[in-house]
Amino acid sequence: MVLRQILFGFGSVGGMVGRFYEGDVRGALWASRRHLLGNADDLAFFFPKPLKSSPLKRWMLYLRWMVRKDEIDQGLWDFIDKAQLTISLDYSHIQDRRCMGWTSAKTPSWKAACEITDALRQYCPEDPLKYDLFLCHRVGIEGGCRGEKEVGCADRCILVRG
């Protein structure tokens, strides 16, 4: 039913997000949700309720795929500037970002995602998510970052080794 509403009402998910996008990604997602579901709790997995603290992990990752264009991300949407994207944040990612000093948060939140994205903007303002995949895989997953500076970090962490 909801997919039908999206396809017949907007032509695509991009058409829906684009219809409600006015420079604020979260605002567009929440406006889309209100349009499709009202206040119902249906499909909260895909259309989370508008909570101030929600990092909107799945949507931020989806937006990354749809807005950025490189060997991994498709870049099919041109109505959102990649400089406006916010990092997709979950518990495993926040540990290594905390270790880097980009946030003091211990749990994922919108505030923490914005803090980390702002830190990444220092390296690439026009594309703050440029290094996200590298950080997730090389530092976090492959590097075994535990989110705490400890003995052995220099041996494991590519960032500490330089």
N, C-alpha and C. Protein backbone atom coordinates (compact mmCIF):
# COMPACT_ATOMS: atom_id res chain seq x y z
N MET A 1 0.82 -1.19 0.00
CA MET A 1 0.00 0.00 0.00
C MET A 1 0.87 1.27 0.00
N VAL A 2 1.86 1.34 0.89
CA VAL A 2 2.71 2.54 0.97
C VAL A 2 3.57 2.66 -0.28
N LEU A 3 4.14 1.55 -0.73
CA LEU A 3 4.94 1.59 -1.95
C LEU A 3 4.09 2.06 -3.13
N ARG A 4 2.87 1.60 -3.17
CA ARG A 4 1.94 2.03 -4.22
C ARG A 4 1.71 3.54 -4.13
N GLN A 5 1.53 4.05 -2.92
CA GLN A 5 1.36 5.49 -2.73
C GLN A 5 2.58 6.26 -3.24
N ILE A 6 3.76 5.75 -2.92
CA ILE A 6 4.99 6.42 -3.35
C ILE A 6 5.09 6.41 -4.88
N LEU A 7 4.88 5.24 -5.48
CA LEU A 7 5.03 5.12 -6.93
C LEU A 7 3.99 5.92 -7.69
N PHE A 8 2.72 5.85 -7.28
CA PHE A 8 1.68 6.57 -8.00
C PHE A 8 1.65 8.05 -7.65
N GLY A 9 2.04 8.39 -6.43
CA GLY A 9 2.00 9.80 -6.03
C GLY A 9 3.23 10.59 -6.41
N PHE A 10 4.39 9.92 -6.47
CA PHE A 10 5.64 10.65 -6.69
C PHE A 10 6.51 10.05 -7.79
N GLY A 11 6.20 8.85 -8.24
CA GLY A 11 7.00 8.21 -9.28
C GLY A 11 8.15 7.37 -8.76
N SER A 12 8.69 7.75 -7.60
CA SER A 12 9.82 7.03 -7.01
C SER A 12 10.06 7.55 -5.60
N VAL A 13 10.93 6.87 -4.86
CA VAL A 13 11.31 7.36 -3.53
C VAL A 13 12.01 8.71 -3.67
N GLY A 14 12.85 8.85 -4.70
CA GLY A 14 13.53 10.11 -4.94
C GLY A 14 12.55 11.24 -5.24
N GLY A 15 11.52 10.93 -6.00
CA GLY A 15 10.49 11.92 -6.27
C GLY A 15 9.78 12.37 -5.00
N MET A 16 9.55 11.42 -4.10
CA MET A 16 8.90 11.75 -2.83
C MET A 16 9.81 12.62 -1.97
N VAL A 17 11.05 12.20 -1.79
CA VAL A 17 11.97 12.97 -0.96
C VAL A 17 12.17 14.36 -1.57
N GLY A 18 12.34 14.40 -2.89
CA GLY A 18 12.52 15.68 -3.58
C GLY A 18 11.34 16.61 -3.43
N ARG A 19 10.15 16.07 -3.39
CA ARG A 19 8.93 16.89 -3.23
C ARG A 19 8.92 17.62 -1.90
N PHE A 20 9.44 16.98 -0.86
CA PHE A 20 9.40 17.56 0.48
C PHE A 20 10.73 18.21 0.90
N TYR A 21 11.76 18.07 0.07
CA TYR A 21 13.08 18.60 0.44
C TYR A 21 13.14 20.10 0.23
N GLU A 22 13.47 20.81 1.31
CA GLU A 22 13.62 22.26 1.28
C GLU A 22 14.91 22.65 1.98
N GLY A 23 15.97 21.87 1.77
CA GLY A 23 17.26 22.14 2.38
C GLY A 23 17.51 21.41 3.68
N ASP A 24 16.51 20.68 4.16
CA ASP A 24 16.63 19.93 5.42
C ASP A 24 16.23 18.48 5.16
N VAL A 25 17.22 17.61 5.17
CA VAL A 25 16.97 16.20 4.85
C VAL A 25 16.00 15.57 5.85
N ARG A 26 16.25 15.80 7.14
CA ARG A 26 15.35 15.20 8.14
C ARG A 26 13.93 15.72 7.97
N GLY A 27 13.79 17.00 7.71
CA GLY A 27 12.47 17.57 7.48
C GLY A 27 11.76 16.90 6.31
N ALA A 28 12.50 16.63 5.24
CA ALA A 28 11.91 15.97 4.07
C ALA A 28 11.47 14.55 4.39
N LEU A 29 12.29 13.83 5.16
CA LEU A 29 11.94 12.45 5.52
C LEU A 29 10.72 12.42 6.42
N TRP A 30 10.68 13.32 7.38
CA TRP A 30 9.54 13.34 8.30
C TRP A 30 8.27 13.84 7.62
N ALA A 31 8.40 14.77 6.68
CA ALA A 31 7.23 15.22 5.92
C ALA A 31 6.71 14.08 5.05
N SER A 32 7.62 13.31 4.47
CA SER A 32 7.23 12.14 3.67
C SER A 32 6.47 11.15 4.54
N ARG A 33 6.98 10.90 5.73
CA ARG A 33 6.34 9.97 6.65
C ARG A 33 4.93 10.44 7.02
N ARG A 34 4.82 11.73 7.36
CA ARG A 34 3.49 12.28 7.70
C ARG A 34 2.52 12.13 6.53
N HIS A 35 3.01 12.41 5.33
CA HIS A 35 2.16 12.31 4.15
C HIS A 35 1.68 10.87 3.94
N LEU A 36 2.58 9.92 4.11
CA LEU A 36 2.24 8.52 3.85
C LEU A 36 1.50 7.84 4.99
N LEU A 37 1.90 8.13 6.22
CA LEU A 37 1.42 7.35 7.36
C LEU A 37 0.68 8.15 8.42
N GLY A 38 0.72 9.46 8.35
CA GLY A 38 0.12 10.26 9.41
C GLY A 38 0.86 10.00 10.71
N ASN A 39 0.14 9.72 11.77
CA ASN A 39 0.75 9.42 13.07
C ASN A 39 0.84 7.93 13.37
N ALA A 40 0.50 7.10 12.39
CA ALA A 40 0.50 5.65 12.60
C ALA A 40 1.91 5.14 12.89
N ASP A 41 1.98 4.04 13.63
CA ASP A 41 3.26 3.42 13.95
C ASP A 41 3.72 2.44 12.88
N ASP A 42 2.95 2.31 11.82
CA ASP A 42 3.29 1.37 10.75
C ASP A 42 4.65 1.70 10.14
N LEU A 43 5.35 0.68 9.73
CA LEU A 43 6.61 0.80 9.01
C LEU A 43 7.66 1.67 9.70
N ALA A 44 7.65 1.67 11.02
CA ALA A 44 8.62 2.48 11.78
C ALA A 44 10.05 2.06 11.48
N PHE A 45 10.24 0.82 11.04
CA PHE A 45 11.57 0.34 10.67
C PHE A 45 12.11 1.14 9.48
N PHE A 46 11.25 1.45 8.52
CA PHE A 46 11.68 2.17 7.33
C PHE A 46 11.39 3.67 7.42
N PHE A 47 10.31 4.03 8.06
CA PHE A 47 9.93 5.43 8.24
C PHE A 47 9.87 5.73 9.73
N PRO A 48 11.03 5.99 10.36
CA PRO A 48 11.02 6.22 11.81
C PRO A 48 10.23 7.45 12.20
N LYS A 49 9.66 7.38 13.38
CA LYS A 49 8.93 8.54 13.90
C LYS A 49 9.90 9.70 14.12
N PRO A 50 9.42 10.91 13.95
CA PRO A 50 10.30 12.08 14.10
C PRO A 50 10.71 12.33 15.55
N LEU A 51 11.81 11.74 15.94
CA LEU A 51 12.37 11.95 17.26
C LEU A 51 13.62 12.81 17.12
N LYS A 52 13.73 13.82 17.93
CA LYS A 52 14.85 14.75 17.84
C LYS A 52 16.20 14.05 17.92
N SER A 53 16.29 12.98 18.70
CA SER A 53 17.58 12.32 18.92
C SER A 53 17.90 11.22 17.89
N SER A 54 16.95 10.83 17.08
CA SER A 54 17.17 9.72 16.15
C SER A 54 18.25 10.04 15.12
N PRO A 55 19.26 9.16 14.98
CA PRO A 55 20.29 9.39 13.97
C PRO A 55 19.85 9.00 12.56
N LEU A 56 18.66 8.40 12.43
CA LEU A 56 18.12 8.00 11.12
C LEU A 56 19.14 7.22 10.30
N LYS A 57 19.75 6.25 10.94
CA LYS A 57 20.85 5.48 10.37
C LYS A 57 20.57 4.95 8.97
N ARG A 58 19.48 4.25 8.79
CA ARG A 58 19.19 3.65 7.49
C ARG A 58 18.98 4.71 6.40
N TRP A 59 18.25 5.76 6.74
CA TRP A 59 18.00 6.81 5.77
C TRP A 59 19.28 7.56 5.42
N MET A 60 20.14 7.81 6.39
CA MET A 60 21.38 8.53 6.10
C MET A 60 22.29 7.70 5.19
N LEU A 61 22.30 6.39 5.39
CA LEU A 61 23.07 5.51 4.51
C LEU A 61 22.45 5.49 3.11
N TYR A 62 21.14 5.38 3.04
CA TYR A 62 20.46 5.39 1.75
C TYR A 62 20.72 6.70 1.01
N LEU A 63 20.66 7.81 1.72
CA LEU A 63 20.92 9.10 1.09
C LEU A 63 22.36 9.17 0.57
N ARG A 64 23.28 8.61 1.34
CA ARG A 64 24.67 8.59 0.88
C ARG A 64 24.76 7.87 -0.46
N TRP A 65 24.14 6.71 -0.57
CA TRP A 65 24.16 5.93 -1.81
C TRP A 65 23.54 6.71 -2.97
N MET A 66 22.45 7.41 -2.68
CA MET A 66 21.69 8.06 -3.74
C MET A 66 22.24 9.43 -4.14
N VAL A 67 22.97 10.10 -3.26
CA VAL A 67 23.45 11.46 -3.53
C VAL A 67 24.90 11.47 -4.00
N ARG A 68 25.77 10.74 -3.32
CA ARG A 68 27.20 10.71 -3.70
C ARG A 68 27.38 9.83 -4.93
N LYS A 69 28.34 10.18 -5.76
CA LYS A 69 28.63 9.34 -6.93
C LYS A 69 30.11 9.00 -6.93
N ASP A 70 30.40 7.71 -6.78
CA ASP A 70 31.77 7.20 -6.86
C ASP A 70 31.68 5.71 -7.17
N GLU A 71 32.73 4.97 -6.94
CA GLU A 71 32.72 3.53 -7.28
C GLU A 71 31.78 2.71 -6.39
N ILE A 72 31.29 3.28 -5.30
CA ILE A 72 30.38 2.56 -4.41
C ILE A 72 28.98 3.17 -4.42
N ASP A 73 28.91 4.47 -4.33
CA ASP A 73 27.63 5.17 -4.25
C ASP A 73 27.12 5.52 -5.65
N GLN A 74 25.81 5.38 -5.85
CA GLN A 74 25.22 5.51 -7.19
C GLN A 74 25.05 6.96 -7.67
N GLY A 75 24.78 7.88 -6.77
CA GLY A 75 24.63 9.29 -7.14
C GLY A 75 23.50 9.57 -8.11
N LEU A 76 22.34 8.97 -7.88
CA LEU A 76 21.21 9.15 -8.80
C LEU A 76 20.40 10.42 -8.53
N TRP A 77 20.53 10.97 -7.33
CA TRP A 77 19.76 12.16 -6.97
C TRP A 77 20.65 13.39 -7.05
N ASP A 78 20.19 14.39 -7.77
CA ASP A 78 20.98 15.62 -7.88
C ASP A 78 20.34 16.80 -7.15
N PHE A 79 19.26 16.57 -6.45
CA PHE A 79 18.58 17.68 -5.77
C PHE A 79 19.07 17.90 -4.33
N ILE A 80 19.95 17.04 -3.85
CA ILE A 80 20.57 17.22 -2.53
C ILE A 80 22.07 17.33 -2.76
N ASP A 81 22.68 18.35 -2.19
CA ASP A 81 24.12 18.55 -2.30
C ASP A 81 24.80 17.58 -1.33
N LYS A 82 25.83 16.88 -1.79
CA LYS A 82 26.51 15.92 -0.92
C LYS A 82 27.13 16.58 0.30
N ALA A 83 27.38 17.87 0.24
CA ALA A 83 27.90 18.60 1.40
C ALA A 83 26.87 18.65 2.53
N GLN A 84 25.61 18.41 2.21
CA GLN A 84 24.53 18.46 3.21
C GLN A 84 24.25 17.12 3.86
N LEU A 85 24.94 16.07 3.45
CA LEU A 85 24.70 14.74 4.01
C LEU A 85 25.24 14.63 5.43
N THR A 86 24.64 13.75 6.20
CA THR A 86 25.06 13.46 7.57
C THR A 86 25.42 11.99 7.63
N ILE A 87 26.43 11.68 8.40
CA ILE A 87 26.93 10.32 8.50
C ILE A 87 25.87 9.36 9.04
N SER A 88 25.89 8.15 8.53
CA SER A 88 25.03 7.07 9.03
C SER A 88 25.71 6.51 10.27
N LEU A 89 25.05 6.60 11.39
CA LEU A 89 25.71 6.29 12.66
C LEU A 89 25.02 5.18 13.42
N ASP A 90 25.79 4.16 13.79
CA ASP A 90 25.29 3.14 14.70
C ASP A 90 26.33 2.90 15.78
N TYR A 91 26.06 1.96 16.65
CA TYR A 91 26.92 1.76 17.82
C TYR A 91 28.36 1.39 17.43
N SER A 92 28.52 0.55 16.44
CA SER A 92 29.88 0.13 16.08
C SER A 92 30.69 1.29 15.51
N HIS A 93 30.05 2.22 14.83
CA HIS A 93 30.76 3.37 14.27
C HIS A 93 31.10 4.42 15.31
N ILE A 94 30.27 4.58 16.29
CA ILE A 94 30.50 5.66 17.25
C ILE A 94 31.74 5.40 18.11
N GLN A 95 32.09 4.14 18.29
CA GLN A 95 33.26 3.83 19.12
C GLN A 95 34.54 4.41 18.54
N ASP A 96 34.82 4.12 17.28
CA ASP A 96 36.08 4.63 16.72
C ASP A 96 36.05 6.14 16.52
N ARG A 97 34.89 6.71 16.22
CA ARG A 97 34.79 8.17 16.07
C ARG A 97 35.00 8.87 17.42
N ARG A 98 34.56 8.21 18.49
CA ARG A 98 34.79 8.75 19.84
C ARG A 98 36.28 8.71 20.15
N CYS A 99 36.94 7.65 19.77
CA CYS A 99 38.37 7.50 19.98
C CYS A 99 39.14 8.60 19.25
N MET A 100 38.63 9.03 18.10
CA MET A 100 39.28 10.10 17.33
C MET A 100 39.00 11.48 17.92
N GLY A 101 38.12 11.55 18.90
CA GLY A 101 37.80 12.82 19.53
C GLY A 101 36.74 13.63 18.79
N TRP A 102 36.01 13.00 17.89
CA TRP A 102 35.00 13.71 17.10
C TRP A 102 33.67 13.81 17.80
N THR A 103 33.46 13.03 18.85
CA THR A 103 32.26 13.11 19.68
C THR A 103 32.59 12.51 21.03
N SER A 104 31.85 12.91 22.03
CA SER A 104 32.01 12.29 23.34
C SER A 104 30.85 11.35 23.65
N ALA A 105 29.91 11.28 22.71
CA ALA A 105 28.72 10.45 22.91
C ALA A 105 29.09 8.96 22.96
N LYS A 106 28.37 8.23 23.79
CA LYS A 106 28.60 6.79 23.89
C LYS A 106 27.55 5.99 23.14
N THR A 107 26.46 6.65 22.77
CA THR A 107 25.41 5.98 22.00
C THR A 107 25.05 6.84 20.79
N PRO A 108 24.60 6.20 19.71
CA PRO A 108 24.25 6.95 18.51
C PRO A 108 23.08 7.91 18.76
N SER A 109 23.20 9.10 18.23
CA SER A 109 22.13 10.10 18.30
C SER A 109 22.32 11.05 17.13
N TRP A 110 21.32 11.87 16.87
CA TRP A 110 21.44 12.86 15.80
C TRP A 110 22.55 13.85 16.13
N LYS A 111 22.64 14.26 17.38
CA LYS A 111 23.67 15.20 17.81
C LYS A 111 25.07 14.62 17.54
N ALA A 112 25.28 13.36 17.90
CA ALA A 112 26.58 12.71 17.67
C ALA A 112 26.87 12.60 16.18
N ALA A 113 25.87 12.24 15.39
CA ALA A 113 26.06 12.14 13.94
C ALA A 113 26.47 13.49 13.36
N CYS A 114 25.86 14.56 13.84
CA CYS A 114 26.20 15.90 13.37
C CYS A 114 27.60 16.31 13.82
N GLU A 115 27.97 15.96 15.06
CA GLU A 115 29.32 16.27 15.55
C GLU A 115 30.37 15.58 14.68
N ILE A 116 30.15 14.32 14.39
CA ILE A 116 31.11 13.55 13.60
C ILE A 116 31.16 14.08 12.17
N THR A 117 30.01 14.39 11.60
CA THR A 117 29.97 14.95 10.25
C THR A 117 30.70 16.29 10.20
N ASP A 118 30.50 17.11 11.22
CA ASP A 118 31.21 18.40 11.28
C ASP A 118 32.72 18.19 11.35
N ALA A 119 33.16 17.19 12.09
CA ALA A 119 34.59 16.88 12.16
C ALA A 119 35.11 16.45 10.79
N LEU A 120 34.32 15.66 10.08
CA LEU A 120 34.72 15.21 8.74
C LEU A 120 34.74 16.36 7.73
N ARG A 121 33.90 17.37 7.96
CA ARG A 121 33.88 18.54 7.07
C ARG A 121 35.21 19.30 7.10
N GLN A 122 35.95 19.16 8.18
CA GLN A 122 37.26 19.81 8.26
C GLN A 122 38.21 19.25 7.20
N TYR A 123 38.02 17.99 6.82
CA TYR A 123 38.89 17.34 5.85
C TYR A 123 38.39 17.49 4.42
N CYS A 124 37.06 17.56 4.27
CA CYS A 124 36.49 17.68 2.92
C CYS A 124 35.12 18.35 3.04
N PRO A 125 35.07 19.68 3.09
CA PRO A 125 33.79 20.38 3.29
C PRO A 125 32.75 20.10 2.21
N GLU A 126 33.20 19.89 0.97
CA GLU A 126 32.25 19.67 -0.11
C GLU A 126 31.70 18.24 -0.13
N ASP A 127 32.32 17.32 0.63
CA ASP A 127 31.87 15.93 0.67
C ASP A 127 32.32 15.29 1.99
N PRO A 128 31.64 15.63 3.09
CA PRO A 128 32.09 15.14 4.40
C PRO A 128 32.05 13.63 4.57
N LEU A 129 31.32 12.93 3.72
CA LEU A 129 31.24 11.47 3.85
C LEU A 129 32.24 10.75 2.95
N LYS A 130 33.12 11.49 2.35
CA LYS A 130 34.12 10.93 1.44
C LYS A 130 34.93 9.81 2.07
N TYR A 131 35.26 9.93 3.35
CA TYR A 131 36.11 8.95 4.02
C TYR A 131 35.33 7.96 4.90
N ASP A 132 34.03 7.99 4.81
CA ASP A 132 33.19 7.17 5.67
C ASP A 132 33.45 5.67 5.49
N LEU A 133 33.50 5.20 4.27
CA LEU A 133 33.72 3.77 4.03
C LEU A 133 35.09 3.34 4.55
N PHE A 134 36.10 4.14 4.30
CA PHE A 134 37.44 3.86 4.81
C PHE A 134 37.42 3.76 6.34
N LEU A 135 36.78 4.71 6.98
CA LEU A 135 36.73 4.71 8.45
C LEU A 135 35.98 3.48 8.98
N CYS A 136 34.86 3.17 8.35
CA CYS A 136 34.06 2.03 8.81
C CYS A 136 34.82 0.72 8.67
N HIS A 137 35.45 0.53 7.53
CA HIS A 137 36.08 -0.76 7.27
C HIS A 137 37.53 -0.85 7.71
N ARG A 138 38.35 0.06 7.25
CA ARG A 138 39.79 -0.04 7.56
C ARG A 138 40.09 0.26 9.03
N VAL A 139 39.41 1.23 9.60
CA VAL A 139 39.68 1.60 10.99
C VAL A 139 38.81 0.77 11.94
N GLY A 140 37.51 0.74 11.67
CA GLY A 140 36.59 0.06 12.56
C GLY A 140 36.61 -1.45 12.47
N ILE A 141 36.18 -1.98 11.34
CA ILE A 141 36.02 -3.44 11.20
C ILE A 141 37.38 -4.14 11.10
N GLU A 142 38.18 -3.79 10.09
CA GLU A 142 39.47 -4.45 9.90
C GLU A 142 40.49 -4.04 10.96
N GLY A 143 40.42 -2.79 11.39
CA GLY A 143 41.39 -2.28 12.36
C GLY A 143 41.08 -2.67 13.79
N GLY A 144 39.87 -3.15 14.03
CA GLY A 144 39.51 -3.60 15.36
C GLY A 144 39.44 -2.51 16.40
N CYS A 145 39.12 -1.28 15.98
CA CYS A 145 39.04 -0.19 16.95
C CYS A 145 37.96 -0.49 17.98
N ARG A 146 38.31 -0.33 19.24
CA ARG A 146 37.38 -0.59 20.35
C ARG A 146 36.84 0.69 20.95
N GLY A 147 37.25 1.83 20.41
CA GLY A 147 36.73 3.10 20.88
C GLY A 147 37.45 3.66 22.09
N GLU A 148 38.52 3.07 22.47
CA GLU A 148 39.30 3.54 23.62
C GLU A 148 40.77 3.51 23.23
N LYS A 149 41.48 4.58 23.52
CA LYS A 149 42.92 4.55 23.29
C LYS A 149 43.54 3.68 24.36
N GLU A 150 44.27 2.66 23.91
CA GLU A 150 44.83 1.69 24.83
C GLU A 150 46.15 1.16 24.29
N VAL A 151 46.82 0.41 25.09
CA VAL A 151 48.06 -0.22 24.64
C VAL A 151 47.72 -1.11 23.44
N GLY A 152 48.50 -1.00 22.40
CA GLY A 152 48.26 -1.81 21.21
C GLY A 152 47.56 -1.05 20.10
N CYS A 153 47.00 0.13 20.39
CA CYS A 153 46.34 0.90 19.34
C CYS A 153 47.29 1.22 18.20
N ALA A 154 48.51 1.59 18.54
CA ALA A 154 49.48 1.96 17.51
C ALA A 154 49.79 0.78 16.58
N ASP A 155 49.69 -0.42 17.09
CA ASP A 155 49.95 -1.60 16.26
C ASP A 155 48.78 -1.91 15.33
N ARG A 156 47.55 -1.64 15.81
CA ARG A 156 46.34 -2.00 15.06
C ARG A 156 45.82 -0.87 14.17
N CYS A 157 45.87 0.34 14.64
CA CYS A 157 45.14 1.44 14.00
C CYS A 157 45.98 2.13 12.93
N ILE A 158 45.45 2.14 11.74
CA ILE A 158 46.13 2.77 10.61
C ILE A 158 46.25 4.28 10.82
N LEU A 159 45.34 4.87 11.55
CA LEU A 159 45.41 6.31 11.80
C LEU A 159 46.47 6.67 12.82
N VAL A 160 46.65 5.84 13.82
CA VAL A 160 47.66 6.09 14.83
C VAL A 160 49.06 5.85 14.26
N ARG A 161 49.17 4.78 13.44
CA ARG A 161 50.46 4.47 12.79
C ARG A 161 50.89 5.55 11.83
N GLY A 162 49.87 6.17 11.17
CA GLY A 162 50.16 7.22 10.19
C GLY A 162 50.65 6.60 8.96
